[in-house]
């Protein structure tokens, strides 16, 4: 049985496998458990193994690559057009195998175990930050039910809780609710300690990783941004230019061009929401200081701010920062052609139309 491409539709337990010969004809169609795939691939000569980039695909891809196979991971969005007629697991596996043979297909780089570990730490930290925010909002709502309005900010809320704990009478909060607030404050401090421990771990990773250190030299890119980017894209060789990375992160305008008339809408918001959030917040933090500098970058940012809203300017700044050349230090610090005035003017006009 001459198998040239092996398409695998991964499931939590059951997986569908389809093998194509060099002419593209289906010569193998089998349903098996996930742990049996490695044994089947070990009996085959070196071939192309195609999978969708989903949970567990990188781990299985590393095992198959160690057997001498060429692993190709693809986004499910790019596989969907190759599904014929009715959708089922066997059709999905056949579509995966066929999509892997296309010369224009975009593949996902296989992540190492260290990259996946860093991504797991980032996801855990993001969950802890969300829990802390939810806890703070619940404390505010409890105080508001007692007529205590606390201004915005963590420090204001901590000050209000400290004043409340020092006042035993006349606060309007009963003893049982006071004990509950003390317990919630202990939970808050515990979350702070866990988040701080993860931040220290990320800082140590950034110090020991040359790619993360280079990324941290970009204004607006800190320890979290650098380690998250390195974990997501590795050395950046998957992207030919900075705009490809920006498009992957969903920072470029969505196009609705027809009849040769270009029309740009809001950003696409594709890719990782967590990465996009970190990069845009970093750009917002760096934008005020950089726009006041007497440099070509500062002059470009001042012109952009005069034409577009601050949020749009932050997105363009973030789009320019995320360039593989900046990570490697091989490109000059000048905006690429896509960020020049004609596109900034068009984006500014689109922003003005959207705002009330």
C-alpha atoms as a PDB file:
ATOM      1  CA  UNK A   1       0.000   0.000   0.000  1.00  0.00           C
ATOM      2  CA  UNK A   2       1.752   3.139  -1.278  1.00  0.00           C
ATOM      3  CA  UNK A   3       0.570   6.015   0.919  1.00  0.00           C
ATOM      4  CA  UNK A   4       1.815   9.455  -0.068  1.00  0.00           C
ATOM      5  CA  UNK A   5      -0.381  11.625   2.203  1.00  0.00           C
ATOM      6  CA  UNK A   6      -1.991  10.542   5.474  1.00  0.00           C
ATOM      7  CA  UNK A   7      -4.858  12.786   6.582  1.00  0.00           C
ATOM      8  CA  UNK A   8      -5.935  12.557  10.236  1.00  0.00           C
ATOM      9  CA  UNK A   9      -9.130  14.052  11.652  1.00  0.00           C
ATOM     10  CA  UNK A  10      -8.347  14.241  15.356  1.00  0.00           C
ATOM     11  CA  UNK A  11     -10.946  13.599  18.038  1.00  0.00           C
ATOM     12  CA  UNK A  12     -10.733  13.316  21.783  1.00  0.00           C
ATOM     13  CA  UNK A  13     -10.898   9.519  21.612  1.00  0.00           C
ATOM     14  CA  UNK A  14     -11.799   8.352  18.102  1.00  0.00           C
ATOM     15  CA  UNK A  15      -9.910   9.596  15.021  1.00  0.00           C
ATOM     16  CA  UNK A  16     -10.502   9.114  11.299  1.00  0.00           C
ATOM     17  CA  UNK A  17      -7.532   8.344   9.041  1.00  0.00           C
ATOM     18  CA  UNK A  18      -7.455   8.587   5.248  1.00  0.00           C
ATOM     19  CA  UNK A  19      -4.455   7.696   3.065  1.00  0.00           C
ATOM     20  CA  UNK A  20      -3.882   8.994  -0.469  1.00  0.00           C
ATOM     21  CA  UNK A  21      -1.541   7.486  -3.024  1.00  0.00           C
ATOM     22  CA  UNK A  22       0.684   9.665  -5.293  1.00  0.00           C
ATOM     23  CA  UNK A  23      -2.215  10.105  -7.751  1.00  0.00           C
ATOM     24  CA  UNK A  24      -4.559  11.401  -5.024  1.00  0.00           C
ATOM     25  CA  UNK A  25      -6.748   8.256  -4.878  1.00  0.00           C
ATOM     26  CA  UNK A  26      -7.997   7.101  -1.474  1.00  0.00           C
ATOM     27  CA  UNK A  27      -6.296   3.791  -0.617  1.00  0.00           C
ATOM     28  CA  UNK A  28      -6.841   3.762   3.155  1.00  0.00           C
ATOM     29  CA  UNK A  29      -9.866   4.708   5.217  1.00  0.00           C
ATOM     30  CA  UNK A  30      -9.861   3.694   8.849  1.00  0.00           C
ATOM     31  CA  UNK A  31     -11.315   4.683  12.229  1.00  0.00           C
ATOM     32  CA  UNK A  32      -9.038   4.213  15.231  1.00  0.00           C
ATOM     33  CA  UNK A  33      -8.224   5.543  18.657  1.00  0.00           C
ATOM     34  CA  UNK A  34      -5.729   8.339  19.132  1.00  0.00           C
ATOM     35  CA  UNK A  35      -3.042   6.163  20.720  1.00  0.00           C
ATOM     36  CA  UNK A  36      -3.183   3.702  17.780  1.00  0.00           C
ATOM     37  CA  UNK A  37      -2.200   6.332  15.198  1.00  0.00           C
ATOM     38  CA  UNK A  38       1.463   6.288  16.227  1.00  0.00           C
ATOM     39  CA  UNK A  39       1.577   2.509  15.760  1.00  0.00           C
ATOM     40  CA  UNK A  40      -0.007   2.754  12.303  1.00  0.00           C
ATOM     41  CA  UNK A  41       2.389   5.499  11.199  1.00  0.00           C
ATOM     42  CA  UNK A  42       5.374   3.458  12.414  1.00  0.00           C
ATOM     43  CA  UNK A  43       4.530   0.738   9.879  1.00  0.00           C
ATOM     44  CA  UNK A  44       4.431   3.202   6.970  1.00  0.00           C
ATOM     45  CA  UNK A  45       7.400   4.615   5.072  1.00  0.00           C
ATOM     46  CA  UNK A  46       8.067   8.328   5.359  1.00  0.00           C
ATOM     47  CA  UNK A  47       5.079  10.295   4.059  1.00  0.00           C
ATOM     48  CA  UNK A  48       3.204  13.555   4.564  1.00  0.00           C
ATOM     49  CA  UNK A  49       1.000  13.496   7.667  1.00  0.00           C
ATOM     50  CA  UNK A  50      -1.647  16.232   7.641  1.00  0.00           C
ATOM     51  CA  UNK A  51      -3.759  17.380  10.581  1.00  0.00           C
ATOM     52  CA  UNK A  52      -5.748  20.391  11.660  1.00  0.00           C
ATOM     53  CA  UNK A  53      -3.942  22.607  14.169  1.00  0.00           C
ATOM     54  CA  UNK A  54      -6.089  21.786  17.198  1.00  0.00           C
ATOM     55  CA  UNK A  55      -5.668  20.568  20.753  1.00  0.00           C
ATOM     56  CA  UNK A  56      -3.139  17.734  20.882  1.00  0.00           C
ATOM     57  CA  UNK A  57      -2.029  18.128  17.262  1.00  0.00           C
ATOM     58  CA  UNK A  58       1.415  19.496  18.142  1.00  0.00           C
ATOM     59  CA  UNK A  59       2.128  16.658  20.581  1.00  0.00           C
ATOM     60  CA  UNK A  60       1.086  14.011  18.071  1.00  0.00           C
ATOM     61  CA  UNK A  61       2.950  15.856  15.319  1.00  0.00           C
ATOM     62  CA  UNK A  62       6.205  15.701  17.267  1.00  0.00           C
ATOM     63  CA  UNK A  63       5.790  11.941  17.759  1.00  0.00           C
ATOM     64  CA  UNK A  64       5.155  11.390  14.052  1.00  0.00           C
ATOM     65  CA  UNK A  65       8.001  13.696  13.011  1.00  0.00           C
ATOM     66  CA  UNK A  66      10.358  11.626  15.165  1.00  0.00           C
ATOM     67  CA  UNK A  67       9.397   8.603  13.008  1.00  0.00           C
ATOM     68  CA  UNK A  68      10.569  10.399   9.861  1.00  0.00           C
ATOM     69  CA  UNK A  69       7.232  11.694   8.565  1.00  0.00           C
ATOM     70  CA  UNK A  70       6.668  15.225   7.274  1.00  0.00           C
ATOM     71  CA  UNK A  71       4.001  16.781   9.515  1.00  0.00           C
ATOM     72  CA  UNK A  72       1.783  19.521   8.061  1.00  0.00           C
ATOM     73  CA  UNK A  73      -0.634  21.354  10.338  1.00  0.00           C
ATOM     74  CA  UNK A  74      -3.324  23.596   8.875  1.00  0.00           C
ATOM     75  CA  UNK A  75      -5.941  25.953  10.201  1.00  0.00           C
ATOM     76  CA  UNK A  76      -9.443  24.387  10.155  1.00  0.00           C
ATOM     77  CA  UNK A  77     -10.619  27.496   8.327  1.00  0.00           C
ATOM     78  CA  UNK A  78      -8.494  26.556   5.307  1.00  0.00           C
ATOM     79  CA  UNK A  79      -9.583  22.900   5.328  1.00  0.00           C
ATOM     80  CA  UNK A  80     -13.324  23.560   5.308  1.00  0.00           C
ATOM     81  CA  UNK A  81     -13.606  24.356   1.547  1.00  0.00           C
ATOM     82  CA  UNK A  82     -12.277  20.885   0.671  1.00  0.00           C
ATOM     83  CA  UNK A  83     -15.063  18.998   2.471  1.00  0.00           C
ATOM     84  CA  UNK A  84     -17.217  17.297  -0.176  1.00  0.00           C
ATOM     85  CA  UNK A  85     -20.996  16.857   0.120  1.00  0.00           C
ATOM     86  CA  UNK A  86     -22.105  15.820   3.613  1.00  0.00           C
ATOM     87  CA  UNK A  87     -19.823  16.453   6.559  1.00  0.00           C
ATOM     88  CA  UNK A  88     -18.592  13.517   8.630  1.00  0.00           C
ATOM     89  CA  UNK A  89     -15.307  12.397  10.151  1.00  0.00           C
ATOM     90  CA  UNK A  90     -14.193  10.430   7.098  1.00  0.00           C
ATOM     91  CA  UNK A  91     -14.949  13.356   4.790  1.00  0.00           C
ATOM     92  CA  UNK A  92     -13.037  15.666   7.111  1.00  0.00           C
ATOM     93  CA  UNK A  93      -9.975  13.411   7.059  1.00  0.00           C
ATOM     94  CA  UNK A  94     -10.132  13.207   3.263  1.00  0.00           C
ATOM     95  CA  UNK A  95     -10.414  16.999   3.054  1.00  0.00           C
ATOM     96  CA  UNK A  96      -7.390  17.392   5.355  1.00  0.00           C
ATOM     97  CA  UNK A  97      -5.313  15.086   3.169  1.00  0.00           C
ATOM     98  CA  UNK A  98      -6.356  16.877  -0.009  1.00  0.00           C
ATOM     99  CA  UNK A  99      -5.762  20.357   1.443  1.00  0.00           C
ATOM    100  CA  UNK A 100      -2.221  19.377   2.464  1.00  0.00           C
ATOM    101  CA  UNK A 101      -1.322  18.771  -1.200  1.00  0.00           C
ATOM    102  CA  UNK A 102      -2.255  22.288  -2.344  1.00  0.00           C
ATOM    103  CA  UNK A 103       0.819  24.370  -3.298  1.00  0.00           C
ATOM    104  CA  UNK A 104      -0.709  27.594  -1.929  1.00  0.00           C
ATOM    105  CA  UNK A 105      -1.765  26.142   1.414  1.00  0.00           C
ATOM    106  CA  UNK A 106      -0.505  27.924   4.543  1.00  0.00           C
ATOM    107  CA  UNK A 107       0.824  25.597   7.195  1.00  0.00           C
ATOM    108  CA  UNK A 108       1.240  26.053  10.931  1.00  0.00           C
ATOM    109  CA  UNK A 109       4.728  25.562  12.337  1.00  0.00           C
ATOM    110  CA  UNK A 110       5.071  22.645  14.721  1.00  0.00           C
ATOM    111  CA  UNK A 111       5.483  23.959  18.265  1.00  0.00           C
ATOM    112  CA  UNK A 112       8.036  22.573  20.663  1.00  0.00           C
ATOM    113  CA  UNK A 113       7.140  21.327  24.111  1.00  0.00           C
ATOM    114  CA  UNK A 114       8.738  24.423  25.665  1.00  0.00           C
ATOM    115  CA  UNK A 115       6.548  26.731  23.539  1.00  0.00           C
ATOM    116  CA  UNK A 116       3.410  24.882  24.599  1.00  0.00           C
ATOM    117  CA  UNK A 117       4.479  25.095  28.250  1.00  0.00           C
ATOM    118  CA  UNK A 118       4.838  28.877  28.016  1.00  0.00           C
ATOM    119  CA  UNK A 119       1.451  29.165  26.340  1.00  0.00           C
ATOM    120  CA  UNK A 120      -0.110  27.117  29.154  1.00  0.00           C
ATOM    121  CA  UNK A 121       1.412  29.461  31.738  1.00  0.00           C
ATOM    122  CA  UNK A 122       0.016  32.464  29.887  1.00  0.00           C
ATOM    123  CA  UNK A 123      -3.448  30.916  29.765  1.00  0.00           C
ATOM    124  CA  UNK A 124      -3.322  30.164  33.495  1.00  0.00           C
ATOM    125  CA  UNK A 125      -2.243  33.732  34.259  1.00  0.00           C
ATOM    126  CA  UNK A 126      -5.029  35.127  32.085  1.00  0.00           C
ATOM    127  CA  UNK A 127      -7.534  32.976  33.963  1.00  0.00           C
ATOM    128  CA  UNK A 128      -6.216  34.185  37.321  1.00  0.00           C
ATOM    129  CA  UNK A 129      -6.439  37.825  36.202  1.00  0.00           C
ATOM    130  CA  UNK A 130     -10.035  37.223  35.117  1.00  0.00           C
ATOM    131  CA  UNK A 131     -10.862  35.653  38.477  1.00  0.00           C
ATOM    132  CA  UNK A 132      -9.303  38.604  40.290  1.00  0.00           C
ATOM    133  CA  UNK A 133     -11.300  41.083  38.198  1.00  0.00           C
ATOM    134  CA  UNK A 134     -14.524  39.145  38.836  1.00  0.00           C
ATOM    135  CA  UNK A 135     -13.761  39.094  42.568  1.00  0.00           C
ATOM    136  CA  UNK A 136     -13.167  42.843  42.651  1.00  0.00           C
ATOM    137  CA  UNK A 137     -16.411  43.494  40.781  1.00  0.00           C
ATOM    138  CA  UNK A 138     -18.324  41.319  43.233  1.00  0.00           C
ATOM    139  CA  UNK A 139     -16.828  43.204  46.186  1.00  0.00           C
ATOM    140  CA  UNK A 140     -17.873  46.495  44.590  1.00  0.00           C
ATOM    141  CA  UNK A 141     -21.417  45.218  44.091  1.00  0.00           C
ATOM    142  CA  UNK A 142     -21.644  44.070  47.728  1.00  0.00           C
ATOM    143  CA  UNK A 143     -20.524  47.490  48.938  1.00  0.00           C
ATOM    144  CA  UNK A 144     -22.900  49.230  46.540  1.00  0.00           C
ATOM    145  CA  UNK A 145     -25.802  47.230  48.003  1.00  0.00           C
ATOM    146  CA  UNK A 146     -24.896  48.842  51.336  1.00  0.00           C
ATOM    147  CA  UNK A 147     -24.759  52.320  49.823  1.00  0.00           C
ATOM    148  CA  UNK A 148     -20.950  52.484  49.618  1.00  0.00           C
ATOM    149  CA  UNK A 149     -19.803  53.721  46.208  1.00  0.00           C
ATOM    150  CA  UNK A 150     -16.090  53.097  45.537  1.00  0.00           C
ATOM    151  CA  UNK A 151     -14.278  55.028  42.750  1.00  0.00           C
ATOM    152  CA  UNK A 152     -12.523  53.154  39.967  1.00  0.00           C
ATOM    153  CA  UNK A 153      -9.113  51.610  40.600  1.00  0.00           C
ATOM    154  CA  UNK A 154      -7.692  48.787  42.681  1.00  0.00           C
ATOM    155  CA  UNK A 155      -6.087  51.142  45.177  1.00  0.00           C
ATOM    156  CA  UNK A 156      -9.394  52.923  45.848  1.00  0.00           C
ATOM    157  CA  UNK A 157     -11.109  49.617  46.518  1.00  0.00           C
ATOM    158  CA  UNK A 158      -8.348  48.444  48.857  1.00  0.00           C
ATOM    159  CA  UNK A 159      -8.510  51.733  50.764  1.00  0.00           C
ATOM    160  CA  UNK A 160     -12.284  51.412  51.102  1.00  0.00           C
ATOM    161  CA  UNK A 161     -11.944  47.872  52.479  1.00  0.00           C
ATOM    162  CA  UNK A 162      -9.276  48.935  54.967  1.00  0.00           C
ATOM    163  CA  UNK A 163     -11.463  51.803  56.196  1.00  0.00           C
ATOM    164  CA  UNK A 164     -14.421  49.439  56.467  1.00  0.00           C
ATOM    165  CA  UNK A 165     -12.457  46.932  58.532  1.00  0.00           C
ATOM    166  CA  UNK A 166     -11.281  49.671  60.923  1.00  0.00           C
ATOM    167  CA  UNK A 167     -14.811  50.995  61.502  1.00  0.00           C
ATOM    168  CA  UNK A 168     -16.772  48.580  63.625  1.00  0.00           C
ATOM    169  CA  UNK A 169     -19.891  50.718  63.922  1.00  0.00           C
ATOM    170  CA  UNK A 170     -21.739  53.063  61.599  1.00  0.00           C
ATOM    171  CA  UNK A 171     -20.468  51.518  58.372  1.00  0.00           C
ATOM    172  CA  UNK A 172     -23.803  50.027  57.332  1.00  0.00           C
ATOM    173  CA  UNK A 173     -22.246  46.581  56.864  1.00  0.00           C
ATOM    174  CA  UNK A 174     -23.269  43.759  59.157  1.00  0.00           C
ATOM    175  CA  UNK A 175     -20.776  41.497  60.949  1.00  0.00           C
ATOM    176  CA  UNK A 176     -21.496  38.504  58.702  1.00  0.00           C
ATOM    177  CA  UNK A 177     -20.932  40.485  55.519  1.00  0.00           C
ATOM    178  CA  UNK A 178     -17.810  41.991  57.078  1.00  0.00           C
ATOM    179  CA  UNK A 179     -16.385  38.507  57.619  1.00  0.00           C
ATOM    180  CA  UNK A 180     -17.294  37.642  54.041  1.00  0.00           C
ATOM    181  CA  UNK A 181     -15.460  40.711  52.732  1.00  0.00           C
ATOM    182  CA  UNK A 182     -12.386  39.791  54.795  1.00  0.00           C
ATOM    183  CA  UNK A 183     -12.435  36.304  53.266  1.00  0.00           C
ATOM    184  CA  UNK A 184     -12.763  37.771  49.764  1.00  0.00           C
ATOM    185  CA  UNK A 185      -9.854  40.107  50.485  1.00  0.00           C
ATOM    186  CA  UNK A 186      -7.741  37.081  51.451  1.00  0.00           C
ATOM    187  CA  UNK A 187      -8.678  35.449  48.148  1.00  0.00           C
ATOM    188  CA  UNK A 188      -7.699  38.647  46.353  1.00  0.00           C
ATOM    189  CA  UNK A 189      -4.281  38.682  47.994  1.00  0.00           C
ATOM    190  CA  UNK A 190      -3.792  35.002  47.171  1.00  0.00           C
ATOM    191  CA  UNK A 191      -4.526  35.686  43.511  1.00  0.00           C
ATOM    192  CA  UNK A 192      -2.092  38.609  43.597  1.00  0.00           C
ATOM    193  CA  UNK A 193       0.649  36.325  44.907  1.00  0.00           C
ATOM    194  CA  UNK A 194       0.013  33.684  42.245  1.00  0.00           C
ATOM    195  CA  UNK A 195      -0.026  36.263  39.442  1.00  0.00           C
ATOM    196  CA  UNK A 196       3.163  37.867  40.773  1.00  0.00           C
ATOM    197  CA  UNK A 197       4.868  34.454  40.869  1.00  0.00           C
ATOM    198  CA  UNK A 198       3.975  33.853  37.221  1.00  0.00           C
ATOM    199  CA  UNK A 199       5.194  37.347  36.304  1.00  0.00           C
ATOM    200  CA  UNK A 200       8.553  36.595  37.931  1.00  0.00           C
ATOM    201  CA  UNK A 201       8.735  33.328  35.986  1.00  0.00           C
ATOM    202  CA  UNK A 202       8.038  35.153  32.712  1.00  0.00           C
ATOM    203  CA  UNK A 203      10.725  37.719  33.529  1.00  0.00           C
ATOM    204  CA  UNK A 204      13.252  34.936  34.092  1.00  0.00           C
ATOM    205  CA  UNK A 205      12.252  33.322  30.773  1.00  0.00           C
ATOM    206  CA  UNK A 206      12.690  36.623  28.941  1.00  0.00           C
ATOM    207  CA  UNK A 207      16.179  37.093  30.406  1.00  0.00           C
ATOM    208  CA  UNK A 208      17.288  33.661  29.239  1.00  0.00           C
ATOM    209  CA  UNK A 209      15.710  33.745  25.767  1.00  0.00           C
ATOM    210  CA  UNK A 210      17.606  35.774  23.103  1.00  0.00           C
ATOM    211  CA  UNK A 211      14.488  36.159  20.923  1.00  0.00           C
ATOM    212  CA  UNK A 212      12.451  37.475  23.851  1.00  0.00           C
ATOM    213  CA  UNK A 213      15.246  39.914  24.746  1.00  0.00           C
ATOM    214  CA  UNK A 214      15.256  41.278  21.189  1.00  0.00           C
ATOM    215  CA  UNK A 215      11.487  41.624  21.235  1.00  0.00           C
ATOM    216  CA  UNK A 216      11.627  43.489  24.544  1.00  0.00           C
ATOM    217  CA  UNK A 217      13.717  46.225  22.902  1.00  0.00           C
ATOM    218  CA  UNK A 218      10.666  47.275  20.833  1.00  0.00           C
ATOM    219  CA  UNK A 219       8.782  50.135  22.543  1.00  0.00           C
ATOM    220  CA  UNK A 220       5.539  48.847  24.022  1.00  0.00           C
ATOM    221  CA  UNK A 221       6.677  45.214  24.159  1.00  0.00           C
ATOM    222  CA  UNK A 222       7.271  43.979  27.678  1.00  0.00           C
ATOM    223  CA  UNK A 223       7.973  40.643  29.299  1.00  0.00           C
ATOM    224  CA  UNK A 224       4.454  39.271  28.809  1.00  0.00           C
ATOM    225  CA  UNK A 225       4.285  40.332  25.153  1.00  0.00           C
ATOM    226  CA  UNK A 226       7.751  38.993  24.357  1.00  0.00           C
ATOM    227  CA  UNK A 227       7.302  35.565  25.947  1.00  0.00           C
ATOM    228  CA  UNK A 228       3.790  35.152  24.510  1.00  0.00           C
ATOM    229  CA  UNK A 229       4.971  36.038  20.995  1.00  0.00           C
ATOM    230  CA  UNK A 230       7.963  33.707  21.110  1.00  0.00           C
ATOM    231  CA  UNK A 231       5.714  30.890  22.336  1.00  0.00           C
ATOM    232  CA  UNK A 232       3.199  31.544  19.547  1.00  0.00           C
ATOM    233  CA  UNK A 233       5.416  32.166  16.499  1.00  0.00           C
ATOM    234  CA  UNK A 234       8.866  30.869  17.460  1.00  0.00           C
ATOM    235  CA  UNK A 235      11.512  32.541  15.301  1.00  0.00           C
ATOM    236  CA  UNK A 236       8.908  34.141  13.004  1.00  0.00           C
ATOM    237  CA  UNK A 237      10.110  32.376   9.853  1.00  0.00           C
ATOM    238  CA  UNK A 238       6.535  31.341   9.081  1.00  0.00           C
ATOM    239  CA  UNK A 239       5.802  34.942   8.098  1.00  0.00           C
ATOM    240  CA  UNK A 240       7.485  36.581   5.096  1.00  0.00           C
ATOM    241  CA  UNK A 241       6.887  40.140   6.289  1.00  0.00           C
ATOM    242  CA  UNK A 242       5.530  42.060   9.243  1.00  0.00           C
ATOM    243  CA  UNK A 243       2.127  42.626   7.691  1.00  0.00           C
ATOM    244  CA  UNK A 244       1.584  38.865   7.447  1.00  0.00           C
ATOM    245  CA  UNK A 245       2.032  38.622  11.204  1.00  0.00           C
ATOM    246  CA  UNK A 246      -0.314  41.586  11.714  1.00  0.00           C
ATOM    247  CA  UNK A 247      -2.929  39.895   9.529  1.00  0.00           C
ATOM    248  CA  UNK A 248      -2.508  36.651  11.495  1.00  0.00           C
ATOM    249  CA  UNK A 249      -3.137  38.578  14.717  1.00  0.00           C
ATOM    250  CA  UNK A 250      -6.210  40.304  13.278  1.00  0.00           C
ATOM    251  CA  UNK A 251      -4.744  43.833  13.399  1.00  0.00           C
ATOM    252  CA  UNK A 252      -5.286  44.748   9.736  1.00  0.00           C
ATOM    253  CA  UNK A 253      -8.528  46.200   8.302  1.00  0.00           C
ATOM    254  CA  UNK A 254     -11.123  43.840   6.931  1.00  0.00           C
ATOM    255  CA  UNK A 255     -11.574  44.241   3.203  1.00  0.00           C
ATOM    256  CA  UNK A 256     -14.855  44.425   1.317  1.00  0.00           C
ATOM    257  CA  UNK A 257     -13.470  45.280  -2.117  1.00  0.00           C
ATOM    258  CA  UNK A 258     -15.664  44.835  -5.181  1.00  0.00           C
ATOM    259  CA  UNK A 259     -15.609  46.218  -8.691  1.00  0.00           C
ATOM    260  CA  UNK A 260     -12.054  47.417  -8.241  1.00  0.00           C
ATOM    261  CA  UNK A 261     -13.129  49.875  -5.517  1.00  0.00           C
ATOM    262  CA  UNK A 262     -11.211  49.257  -2.284  1.00  0.00           C
ATOM    263  CA  UNK A 263     -13.201  49.455   0.930  1.00  0.00           C
ATOM    264  CA  UNK A 264     -11.590  48.959   4.341  1.00  0.00           C
ATOM    265  CA  UNK A 265     -13.649  48.227   7.449  1.00  0.00           C
ATOM    266  CA  UNK A 266     -12.700  47.574  11.057  1.00  0.00           C
ATOM    267  CA  UNK A 267      -9.892  45.225  12.033  1.00  0.00           C
ATOM    268  CA  UNK A 268     -10.524  41.545  11.347  1.00  0.00           C
ATOM    269  CA  UNK A 269      -9.923  40.389  14.969  1.00  0.00           C
ATOM    270  CA  UNK A 270      -8.677  37.035  13.723  1.00  0.00           C
ATOM    271  CA  UNK A 271      -6.174  34.878  15.543  1.00  0.00           C
ATOM    272  CA  UNK A 272      -5.366  34.929  19.236  1.00  0.00           C
ATOM    273  CA  UNK A 273      -7.481  37.372  21.218  1.00  0.00           C
ATOM    274  CA  UNK A 274      -4.996  37.207  24.104  1.00  0.00           C
ATOM    275  CA  UNK A 275      -2.000  38.156  21.941  1.00  0.00           C
ATOM    276  CA  UNK A 276      -3.934  40.945  20.236  1.00  0.00           C
ATOM    277  CA  UNK A 277      -4.983  42.338  23.616  1.00  0.00           C
ATOM    278  CA  UNK A 278      -1.411  42.382  24.926  1.00  0.00           C
ATOM    279  CA  UNK A 279      -0.013  44.043  21.793  1.00  0.00           C
ATOM    280  CA  UNK A 280      -2.684  46.749  21.568  1.00  0.00           C
ATOM    281  CA  UNK A 281      -2.354  47.589  25.263  1.00  0.00           C
ATOM    282  CA  UNK A 282       1.425  47.813  24.845  1.00  0.00           C
ATOM    283  CA  UNK A 283       0.996  50.120  21.839  1.00  0.00           C
ATOM    284  CA  UNK A 284      -1.395  52.328  23.813  1.00  0.00           C
ATOM    285  CA  UNK A 285       1.128  52.599  26.635  1.00  0.00           C
ATOM    286  CA  UNK A 286       4.006  53.505  24.295  1.00  0.00           C
ATOM    287  CA  UNK A 287       2.094  55.829  21.971  1.00  0.00           C
ATOM    288  CA  UNK A 288       2.026  59.033  24.117  1.00  0.00           C
ATOM    289  CA  UNK A 289       5.750  59.004  24.846  1.00  0.00           C
ATOM    290  CA  UNK A 290       6.875  58.035  21.359  1.00  0.00           C
ATOM    291  CA  UNK A 291       4.673  60.647  19.675  1.00  0.00           C
ATOM    292  CA  UNK A 292       6.535  63.409  21.550  1.00  0.00           C
ATOM    293  CA  UNK A 293      10.011  62.329  20.450  1.00  0.00           C
ATOM    294  CA  UNK A 294      11.948  64.212  17.751  1.00  0.00           C
ATOM    295  CA  UNK A 295      12.496  61.092  15.641  1.00  0.00           C
ATOM    296  CA  UNK A 296      11.114  59.897  12.284  1.00  0.00           C
ATOM    297  CA  UNK A 297       8.900  57.489  14.201  1.00  0.00           C
ATOM    298  CA  UNK A 298       7.623  60.285  16.418  1.00  0.00           C
ATOM    299  CA  UNK A 299       6.889  62.466  13.399  1.00  0.00           C
ATOM    300  CA  UNK A 300       5.007  59.620  11.712  1.00  0.00           C
ATOM    301  CA  UNK A 301       2.959  58.967  14.870  1.00  0.00           C
ATOM    302  CA  UNK A 302       2.055  62.660  15.250  1.00  0.00           C
ATOM    303  CA  UNK A 303       0.826  62.701  11.669  1.00  0.00           C
ATOM    304  CA  UNK A 304      -1.146  59.525  12.253  1.00  0.00           C
ATOM    305  CA  UNK A 305      -2.734  60.931  15.419  1.00  0.00           C
ATOM    306  CA  UNK A 306      -3.843  64.016  13.505  1.00  0.00           C
ATOM    307  CA  UNK A 307      -5.611  61.845  10.926  1.00  0.00           C
ATOM    308  CA  UNK A 308      -7.004  58.937  12.969  1.00  0.00           C
ATOM    309  CA  UNK A 309      -8.478  58.196  16.372  1.00  0.00           C
ATOM    310  CA  UNK A 310      -6.117  57.250  19.193  1.00  0.00           C
ATOM    311  CA  UNK A 311      -7.405  53.666  19.245  1.00  0.00           C
ATOM    312  CA  UNK A 312      -6.894  53.299  15.506  1.00  0.00           C
ATOM    313  CA  UNK A 313      -3.405  54.783  15.841  1.00  0.00           C
ATOM    314  CA  UNK A 314      -2.593  52.260  18.557  1.00  0.00           C
ATOM    315  CA  UNK A 315      -3.653  49.425  16.275  1.00  0.00           C
ATOM    316  CA  UNK A 316      -1.488  50.725  13.421  1.00  0.00           C
ATOM    317  CA  UNK A 317       1.419  51.162  15.813  1.00  0.00           C
ATOM    318  CA  UNK A 318       0.917  47.603  17.073  1.00  0.00           C
ATOM    319  CA  UNK A 319       0.692  46.356  13.487  1.00  0.00           C
ATOM    320  CA  UNK A 320       4.011  47.979  12.649  1.00  0.00           C
ATOM    321  CA  UNK A 321       5.752  46.771  15.817  1.00  0.00           C
ATOM    322  CA  UNK A 322       4.963  43.112  15.171  1.00  0.00           C
ATOM    323  CA  UNK A 323       7.493  42.681  12.392  1.00  0.00           C
ATOM    324  CA  UNK A 324       9.800  39.643  12.295  1.00  0.00           C
ATOM    325  CA  UNK A 325      12.608  41.964  11.195  1.00  0.00           C
ATOM    326  CA  UNK A 326      12.279  43.912  14.416  1.00  0.00           C
ATOM    327  CA  UNK A 327      12.635  40.684  16.363  1.00  0.00           C
ATOM    328  CA  UNK A 328      15.865  39.880  14.539  1.00  0.00           C
ATOM    329  CA  UNK A 329      17.122  43.457  14.377  1.00  0.00           C
ATOM    330  CA  UNK A 330      17.488  43.355  10.590  1.00  0.00           C
ATOM    331  CA  UNK A 331      14.979  46.029   9.532  1.00  0.00           C
ATOM    332  CA  UNK A 332      15.184  49.800   9.991  1.00  0.00           C
ATOM    333  CA  UNK A 333      12.737  51.464  12.345  1.00  0.00           C
ATOM    334  CA  UNK A 334      10.558  52.991   9.635  1.00  0.00           C
ATOM    335  CA  UNK A 335       6.884  52.315   8.922  1.00  0.00           C
ATOM    336  CA  UNK A 336       6.192  49.826   6.123  1.00  0.00           C
ATOM    337  CA  UNK A 337       4.405  50.856   2.963  1.00  0.00           C
ATOM    338  CA  UNK A 338       1.042  49.560   4.225  1.00  0.00           C
ATOM    339  CA  UNK A 339       1.093  52.070   7.077  1.00  0.00           C
ATOM    340  CA  UNK A 340       1.796  55.174   5.062  1.00  0.00           C
ATOM    341  CA  UNK A 341      -0.408  58.172   4.663  1.00  0.00           C
ATOM    342  CA  UNK A 342      -2.884  57.009   2.032  1.00  0.00           C
ATOM    343  CA  UNK A 343      -3.977  54.020   4.112  1.00  0.00           C
ATOM    344  CA  UNK A 344      -3.951  56.033   7.322  1.00  0.00           C
ATOM    345  CA  UNK A 345      -6.227  58.632   5.707  1.00  0.00           C
ATOM    346  CA  UNK A 346      -8.596  55.911   4.556  1.00  0.00           C
ATOM    347  CA  UNK A 347      -8.690  54.322   7.991  1.00  0.00           C
ATOM    348  CA  UNK A 348      -9.265  57.715   9.616  1.00  0.00           C
ATOM    349  CA  UNK A 349     -12.222  58.366   7.324  1.00  0.00           C
ATOM    350  CA  UNK A 350     -13.657  54.956   8.125  1.00  0.00           C
ATOM    351  CA  UNK A 351     -13.233  55.585  11.869  1.00  0.00           C
ATOM    352  CA  UNK A 352     -14.970  58.954  11.662  1.00  0.00           C
ATOM    353  CA  UNK A 353     -17.928  57.345   9.911  1.00  0.00           C
ATOM    354  CA  UNK A 354     -18.285  54.738  12.640  1.00  0.00           C
ATOM    355  CA  UNK A 355     -18.089  57.107  15.597  1.00  0.00           C
ATOM    356  CA  UNK A 356     -21.278  58.860  16.751  1.00  0.00           C
END
